[in-house]
């Protein structure tokens, strides 16, 4: 991945999060833009969104986000100057719930007992 692609990924992630926070406060309160992956030609991008809640709530919010996509892209175009503004495809971030589940399981195990350390003479 080129340095430019990495910078565009981060810029889009930051700006999309800001747009959701400022213009869609009530609807987007449970959403976080976790990652953006732009194609090498910078014409398409996949936006990964983590949504707090059960699966039906997450799917409902993702559908809402896809309906708002044209307005969000228009606002993004006002903020970012690129030769081609990428077409955004929104997907649910599956990594966050899995990570939370693993952390929950680790918490259930309890604290890790400390190993006895041998002193060296």
N, C-alpha and C. Protein backbone atom coordinates (compact mmCIF):
# COMPACT_ATOMS: atom_id res chain seq x y z
N UNK A 1 0.85 -1.17 0.00
CA UNK A 1 0.00 0.00 0.00
C UNK A 1 0.90 1.24 0.00
N UNK A 2 0.58 2.16 -0.88
CA UNK A 2 1.42 3.35 -0.99
C UNK A 2 1.16 4.32 0.17
N UNK A 3 2.10 5.21 0.34
CA UNK A 3 1.99 6.20 1.39
C UNK A 3 0.77 7.10 1.17
N UNK A 4 0.51 7.45 -0.08
CA UNK A 4 -0.65 8.29 -0.41
C UNK A 4 -1.95 7.57 -0.05
N UNK A 5 -2.05 6.30 -0.36
CA UNK A 5 -3.26 5.54 -0.03
C UNK A 5 -3.49 5.49 1.47
N UNK A 6 -2.44 5.31 2.23
CA UNK A 6 -2.56 5.29 3.68
C UNK A 6 -3.05 6.64 4.20
N UNK A 7 -2.50 7.72 3.65
CA UNK A 7 -2.93 9.05 4.08
C UNK A 7 -4.37 9.33 3.71
N UNK A 8 -4.80 8.90 2.51
CA UNK A 8 -6.20 9.10 2.09
C UNK A 8 -7.12 8.26 2.96
N UNK A 9 -6.72 7.03 3.29
CA UNK A 9 -7.52 6.19 4.19
C UNK A 9 -7.78 6.90 5.51
N UNK A 10 -6.72 7.41 6.11
CA UNK A 10 -6.84 8.07 7.41
C UNK A 10 -7.65 9.36 7.31
N UNK A 11 -7.45 10.12 6.25
CA UNK A 11 -8.19 11.36 6.06
C UNK A 11 -9.69 11.09 5.92
N UNK A 12 -10.04 10.10 5.11
CA UNK A 12 -11.45 9.75 4.94
C UNK A 12 -12.06 9.25 6.25
N UNK A 13 -11.33 8.42 6.98
CA UNK A 13 -11.84 7.91 8.26
C UNK A 13 -12.13 9.04 9.23
N UNK A 14 -11.19 9.97 9.33
CA UNK A 14 -11.34 11.10 10.24
C UNK A 14 -12.50 12.01 9.82
N UNK A 15 -12.58 12.33 8.55
CA UNK A 15 -13.64 13.22 8.07
C UNK A 15 -15.02 12.58 8.16
N UNK A 16 -15.12 11.30 7.82
CA UNK A 16 -16.42 10.61 7.94
C UNK A 16 -16.89 10.57 9.39
N UNK A 17 -15.99 10.30 10.30
CA UNK A 17 -16.35 10.31 11.71
C UNK A 17 -16.81 11.67 12.16
N UNK A 18 -16.15 12.71 11.68
CA UNK A 18 -16.52 14.08 12.03
C UNK A 18 -17.89 14.44 11.45
N UNK A 19 -18.16 14.04 10.21
CA UNK A 19 -19.45 14.32 9.59
C UNK A 19 -20.57 13.63 10.37
N UNK A 20 -20.36 12.37 10.71
CA UNK A 20 -21.38 11.65 11.47
C UNK A 20 -21.61 12.29 12.83
N UNK A 21 -20.54 12.71 13.48
CA UNK A 21 -20.66 13.30 14.81
C UNK A 21 -21.35 14.66 14.77
N UNK A 22 -21.06 15.48 13.76
CA UNK A 22 -21.61 16.83 13.72
C UNK A 22 -23.00 16.91 13.10
N UNK A 23 -23.24 16.18 12.02
CA UNK A 23 -24.50 16.33 11.29
C UNK A 23 -25.56 15.29 11.65
N UNK A 24 -25.14 14.17 12.19
CA UNK A 24 -26.08 13.08 12.49
C UNK A 24 -25.88 12.60 13.91
N UNK A 25 -25.87 13.50 14.86
CA UNK A 25 -25.56 13.17 16.25
C UNK A 25 -26.48 12.10 16.82
N UNK A 26 -27.78 12.29 16.67
CA UNK A 26 -28.74 11.39 17.30
C UNK A 26 -28.69 10.00 16.67
N UNK A 27 -28.67 9.94 15.35
CA UNK A 27 -28.70 8.65 14.67
C UNK A 27 -27.36 7.91 14.75
N UNK A 28 -26.27 8.65 14.77
CA UNK A 28 -24.95 8.04 14.68
C UNK A 28 -24.24 7.91 16.02
N UNK A 29 -24.98 8.05 17.11
CA UNK A 29 -24.35 8.01 18.43
C UNK A 29 -23.72 6.65 18.72
N UNK A 30 -24.24 5.58 18.15
CA UNK A 30 -23.73 4.24 18.42
C UNK A 30 -22.75 3.76 17.36
N UNK A 31 -22.33 4.66 16.45
CA UNK A 31 -21.47 4.26 15.33
C UNK A 31 -20.08 4.84 15.47
N UNK A 32 -19.10 4.05 15.02
CA UNK A 32 -17.72 4.50 14.95
C UNK A 32 -17.13 4.02 13.63
N UNK A 33 -16.54 4.93 12.89
CA UNK A 33 -15.84 4.54 11.66
C UNK A 33 -14.48 4.01 12.10
N UNK A 34 -14.28 2.71 11.94
CA UNK A 34 -13.05 2.08 12.43
C UNK A 34 -11.95 2.03 11.39
N UNK A 35 -12.32 1.91 10.13
CA UNK A 35 -11.30 1.76 9.09
C UNK A 35 -11.88 2.13 7.75
N UNK A 36 -11.03 2.67 6.88
CA UNK A 36 -11.39 2.94 5.49
C UNK A 36 -10.30 2.32 4.63
N UNK A 37 -10.72 1.57 3.62
CA UNK A 37 -9.76 0.97 2.68
C UNK A 37 -10.07 1.49 1.28
N UNK A 38 -9.16 2.30 0.77
CA UNK A 38 -9.33 2.89 -0.55
C UNK A 38 -8.64 2.00 -1.57
N UNK A 39 -9.26 1.85 -2.74
CA UNK A 39 -8.66 1.09 -3.83
C UNK A 39 -7.42 1.83 -4.33
N UNK A 40 -6.48 1.12 -4.93
CA UNK A 40 -5.25 1.79 -5.41
C UNK A 40 -5.50 2.93 -6.38
N UNK A 41 -6.59 2.87 -7.16
CA UNK A 41 -6.87 3.97 -8.09
C UNK A 41 -7.66 5.11 -7.43
N UNK A 42 -7.96 4.99 -6.14
CA UNK A 42 -8.66 6.00 -5.33
C UNK A 42 -10.07 6.31 -5.81
N UNK A 43 -10.70 5.39 -6.52
CA UNK A 43 -12.06 5.62 -7.01
C UNK A 43 -13.12 4.91 -6.17
N UNK A 44 -12.74 3.89 -5.43
CA UNK A 44 -13.66 3.15 -4.58
C UNK A 44 -13.07 3.02 -3.19
N UNK A 45 -13.94 2.95 -2.20
CA UNK A 45 -13.48 2.78 -0.83
C UNK A 45 -14.49 1.96 -0.04
N UNK A 46 -13.99 1.15 0.85
CA UNK A 46 -14.84 0.39 1.77
C UNK A 46 -14.69 1.03 3.14
N UNK A 47 -15.82 1.39 3.73
CA UNK A 47 -15.83 2.02 5.04
C UNK A 47 -16.35 1.00 6.04
N UNK A 48 -15.52 0.67 7.03
CA UNK A 48 -15.92 -0.27 8.07
C UNK A 48 -16.43 0.50 9.27
N UNK A 49 -17.63 0.14 9.72
CA UNK A 49 -18.29 0.84 10.81
C UNK A 49 -18.60 -0.13 11.93
N UNK A 50 -18.19 0.21 13.14
CA UNK A 50 -18.54 -0.57 14.33
C UNK A 50 -19.78 0.05 14.95
N UNK A 51 -20.77 -0.78 15.24
CA UNK A 51 -22.03 -0.30 15.81
C UNK A 51 -22.28 -1.03 17.11
N UNK A 52 -22.52 -0.26 18.16
CA UNK A 52 -22.78 -0.82 19.48
C UNK A 52 -24.24 -1.26 19.53
N UNK A 53 -24.46 -2.51 19.92
CA UNK A 53 -25.81 -3.03 20.03
C UNK A 53 -25.89 -4.44 19.46
N UNK A 54 -27.09 -5.01 19.51
CA UNK A 54 -27.26 -6.36 18.97
C UNK A 54 -27.28 -6.33 17.44
N UNK A 55 -27.36 -7.50 16.83
CA UNK A 55 -27.22 -7.59 15.38
C UNK A 55 -28.36 -6.91 14.63
N UNK A 56 -29.59 -7.00 15.15
CA UNK A 56 -30.70 -6.34 14.45
C UNK A 56 -30.55 -4.83 14.51
N UNK A 57 -30.12 -4.30 15.64
CA UNK A 57 -29.90 -2.86 15.75
C UNK A 57 -28.77 -2.43 14.82
N UNK A 58 -27.70 -3.22 14.77
CA UNK A 58 -26.56 -2.89 13.91
C UNK A 58 -26.97 -2.90 12.44
N UNK A 59 -27.76 -3.88 12.03
CA UNK A 59 -28.21 -3.93 10.64
C UNK A 59 -29.14 -2.76 10.32
N UNK A 60 -29.97 -2.38 11.26
CA UNK A 60 -30.87 -1.24 11.07
C UNK A 60 -30.05 0.05 10.88
N UNK A 61 -29.04 0.26 11.72
CA UNK A 61 -28.20 1.45 11.61
C UNK A 61 -27.38 1.44 10.32
N UNK A 62 -26.94 0.27 9.89
CA UNK A 62 -26.18 0.17 8.66
C UNK A 62 -27.06 0.51 7.45
N UNK A 63 -28.31 0.07 7.47
CA UNK A 63 -29.25 0.45 6.40
C UNK A 63 -29.49 1.95 6.40
N UNK A 64 -29.63 2.54 7.58
CA UNK A 64 -29.80 4.00 7.68
C UNK A 64 -28.58 4.71 7.09
N UNK A 65 -27.39 4.23 7.41
CA UNK A 65 -26.16 4.83 6.92
C UNK A 65 -26.08 4.74 5.40
N UNK A 66 -26.48 3.63 4.84
CA UNK A 66 -26.46 3.47 3.38
C UNK A 66 -27.47 4.41 2.71
N UNK A 67 -28.61 4.67 3.37
CA UNK A 67 -29.57 5.63 2.82
C UNK A 67 -29.02 7.05 2.86
N UNK A 68 -28.21 7.36 3.84
CA UNK A 68 -27.62 8.70 3.98
C UNK A 68 -26.35 8.86 3.15
N UNK A 69 -25.90 7.81 2.48
CA UNK A 69 -24.63 7.83 1.77
C UNK A 69 -24.48 8.97 0.76
N UNK A 70 -25.49 9.29 -0.06
CA UNK A 70 -25.30 10.41 -1.00
C UNK A 70 -25.05 11.75 -0.30
N UNK A 71 -25.78 12.02 0.77
CA UNK A 71 -25.60 13.29 1.49
C UNK A 71 -24.24 13.32 2.19
N UNK A 72 -23.82 12.19 2.72
CA UNK A 72 -22.51 12.12 3.39
C UNK A 72 -21.40 12.32 2.37
N UNK A 73 -21.54 11.71 1.20
CA UNK A 73 -20.51 11.85 0.16
C UNK A 73 -20.45 13.29 -0.34
N UNK A 74 -21.60 13.93 -0.44
CA UNK A 74 -21.63 15.34 -0.86
C UNK A 74 -20.90 16.22 0.15
N UNK A 75 -21.16 16.02 1.43
CA UNK A 75 -20.47 16.78 2.47
C UNK A 75 -18.97 16.48 2.46
N UNK A 76 -18.62 15.24 2.23
CA UNK A 76 -17.22 14.84 2.15
C UNK A 76 -16.52 15.55 0.99
N UNK A 77 -17.23 15.69 -0.12
CA UNK A 77 -16.68 16.39 -1.28
C UNK A 77 -16.41 17.86 -1.01
N UNK A 78 -17.20 18.46 -0.13
CA UNK A 78 -16.95 19.86 0.25
C UNK A 78 -15.71 20.00 1.11
N UNK A 79 -15.41 18.97 1.88
CA UNK A 79 -14.30 19.05 2.85
C UNK A 79 -12.96 18.61 2.27
N UNK A 80 -12.98 17.67 1.34
CA UNK A 80 -11.75 17.07 0.82
C UNK A 80 -11.60 17.41 -0.65
N UNK A 81 -10.41 17.82 -1.03
CA UNK A 81 -10.12 18.11 -2.43
C UNK A 81 -9.26 16.97 -2.98
N UNK A 82 -9.89 16.12 -3.77
CA UNK A 82 -9.21 15.03 -4.47
C UNK A 82 -9.65 15.05 -5.92
N UNK A 83 -8.82 14.52 -6.79
CA UNK A 83 -9.19 14.47 -8.20
C UNK A 83 -10.46 13.65 -8.38
N UNK A 84 -10.52 12.50 -7.72
CA UNK A 84 -11.71 11.65 -7.73
C UNK A 84 -12.11 11.38 -6.29
N UNK A 85 -13.35 11.71 -5.94
CA UNK A 85 -13.85 11.36 -4.61
C UNK A 85 -14.31 9.91 -4.66
N UNK A 86 -13.77 9.05 -3.82
CA UNK A 86 -14.11 7.62 -3.90
C UNK A 86 -15.59 7.36 -3.67
N UNK A 87 -16.10 6.34 -4.36
CA UNK A 87 -17.45 5.85 -4.11
C UNK A 87 -17.36 5.00 -2.84
N UNK A 88 -18.18 5.31 -1.85
CA UNK A 88 -18.07 4.66 -0.54
C UNK A 88 -19.05 3.50 -0.42
N UNK A 89 -18.53 2.39 0.05
CA UNK A 89 -19.35 1.22 0.35
C UNK A 89 -19.23 0.96 1.85
N UNK A 90 -20.36 0.94 2.55
CA UNK A 90 -20.35 0.78 4.01
C UNK A 90 -20.53 -0.69 4.37
N UNK A 91 -19.68 -1.15 5.29
CA UNK A 91 -19.76 -2.53 5.78
C UNK A 91 -19.65 -2.52 7.31
N UNK A 92 -20.26 -3.52 7.89
CA UNK A 92 -20.20 -3.67 9.34
C UNK A 92 -18.85 -4.25 9.72
N UNK A 93 -18.21 -3.64 10.70
CA UNK A 93 -16.90 -4.12 11.17
C UNK A 93 -17.12 -5.32 12.07
N UNK A 94 -16.64 -6.47 11.64
CA UNK A 94 -16.84 -7.71 12.40
C UNK A 94 -15.74 -7.93 13.44
N UNK A 95 -14.66 -7.17 13.35
CA UNK A 95 -13.54 -7.39 14.27
C UNK A 95 -13.87 -6.92 15.69
N UNK A 96 -14.58 -5.83 15.82
CA UNK A 96 -14.85 -5.26 17.14
C UNK A 96 -15.69 -6.19 18.02
N UNK A 97 -16.82 -6.74 17.55
CA UNK A 97 -17.57 -7.66 18.42
C UNK A 97 -16.77 -8.91 18.80
N UNK A 98 -15.96 -9.41 17.86
CA UNK A 98 -15.15 -10.59 18.17
C UNK A 98 -14.12 -10.27 19.24
N UNK A 99 -13.50 -9.10 19.12
CA UNK A 99 -12.51 -8.69 20.12
C UNK A 99 -13.16 -8.50 21.49
N UNK A 100 -14.35 -7.90 21.52
CA UNK A 100 -15.06 -7.72 22.79
C UNK A 100 -15.44 -9.06 23.40
N UNK A 101 -15.82 -10.02 22.57
CA UNK A 101 -16.18 -11.35 23.07
C UNK A 101 -14.95 -12.02 23.69
N UNK A 102 -13.81 -11.91 23.02
CA UNK A 102 -12.58 -12.51 23.55
C UNK A 102 -12.18 -11.86 24.86
N UNK A 103 -12.28 -10.53 24.93
CA UNK A 103 -11.96 -9.84 26.18
C UNK A 103 -12.91 -10.25 27.30
N UNK A 104 -14.18 -10.44 26.98
CA UNK A 104 -15.15 -10.90 27.98
C UNK A 104 -14.81 -12.28 28.50
N UNK A 105 -14.42 -13.17 27.58
CA UNK A 105 -14.03 -14.52 28.00
C UNK A 105 -12.79 -14.49 28.88
N UNK A 106 -11.84 -13.63 28.54
CA UNK A 106 -10.64 -13.52 29.36
C UNK A 106 -10.96 -12.96 30.74
N UNK A 107 -11.91 -12.01 30.81
CA UNK A 107 -12.31 -11.48 32.11
C UNK A 107 -12.99 -12.54 32.97
N UNK A 108 -13.74 -13.45 32.32
CA UNK A 108 -14.41 -14.51 33.07
C UNK A 108 -13.40 -15.48 33.69
N UNK A 109 -12.26 -15.64 33.05
CA UNK A 109 -11.24 -16.55 33.57
C UNK A 109 -10.64 -16.04 34.87
N UNK A 110 -10.68 -14.76 35.06
CA UNK A 110 -10.13 -14.18 36.28
C UNK A 110 -8.68 -13.78 36.10
N UNK A 111 -8.09 -13.28 37.19
CA UNK A 111 -6.70 -12.82 37.09
C UNK A 111 -5.74 -13.99 36.88
N UNK A 112 -4.68 -13.71 36.18
CA UNK A 112 -3.65 -14.71 35.92
C UNK A 112 -2.77 -14.82 37.16
N UNK A 113 -2.58 -16.03 37.68
CA UNK A 113 -1.71 -16.16 38.86
C UNK A 113 -0.26 -15.85 38.47
N UNK A 114 0.41 -15.18 39.36
CA UNK A 114 1.79 -14.82 39.09
C UNK A 114 2.66 -16.05 39.26
N UNK A 115 3.60 -16.19 38.36
CA UNK A 115 4.53 -17.31 38.44
C UNK A 115 5.61 -17.01 39.48
N UNK A 116 6.03 -18.08 40.13
CA UNK A 116 7.10 -17.90 41.11
C UNK A 116 8.40 -17.66 40.35
N UNK A 117 9.07 -16.63 40.72
CA UNK A 117 10.33 -16.32 40.08
C UNK A 117 11.48 -16.84 40.93
N UNK A 118 12.38 -17.50 40.27
CA UNK A 118 13.55 -18.01 40.98
C UNK A 118 14.58 -16.91 41.07
N UNK A 119 15.16 -16.77 42.26
CA UNK A 119 16.21 -15.77 42.41
C UNK A 119 17.54 -16.37 42.01
N UNK A 120 18.31 -15.62 41.30
CA UNK A 120 19.63 -16.11 40.88
C UNK A 120 20.68 -15.60 41.84
N UNK A 121 21.52 -16.50 42.38
CA UNK A 121 22.53 -16.07 43.35
C UNK A 121 23.69 -15.38 42.69
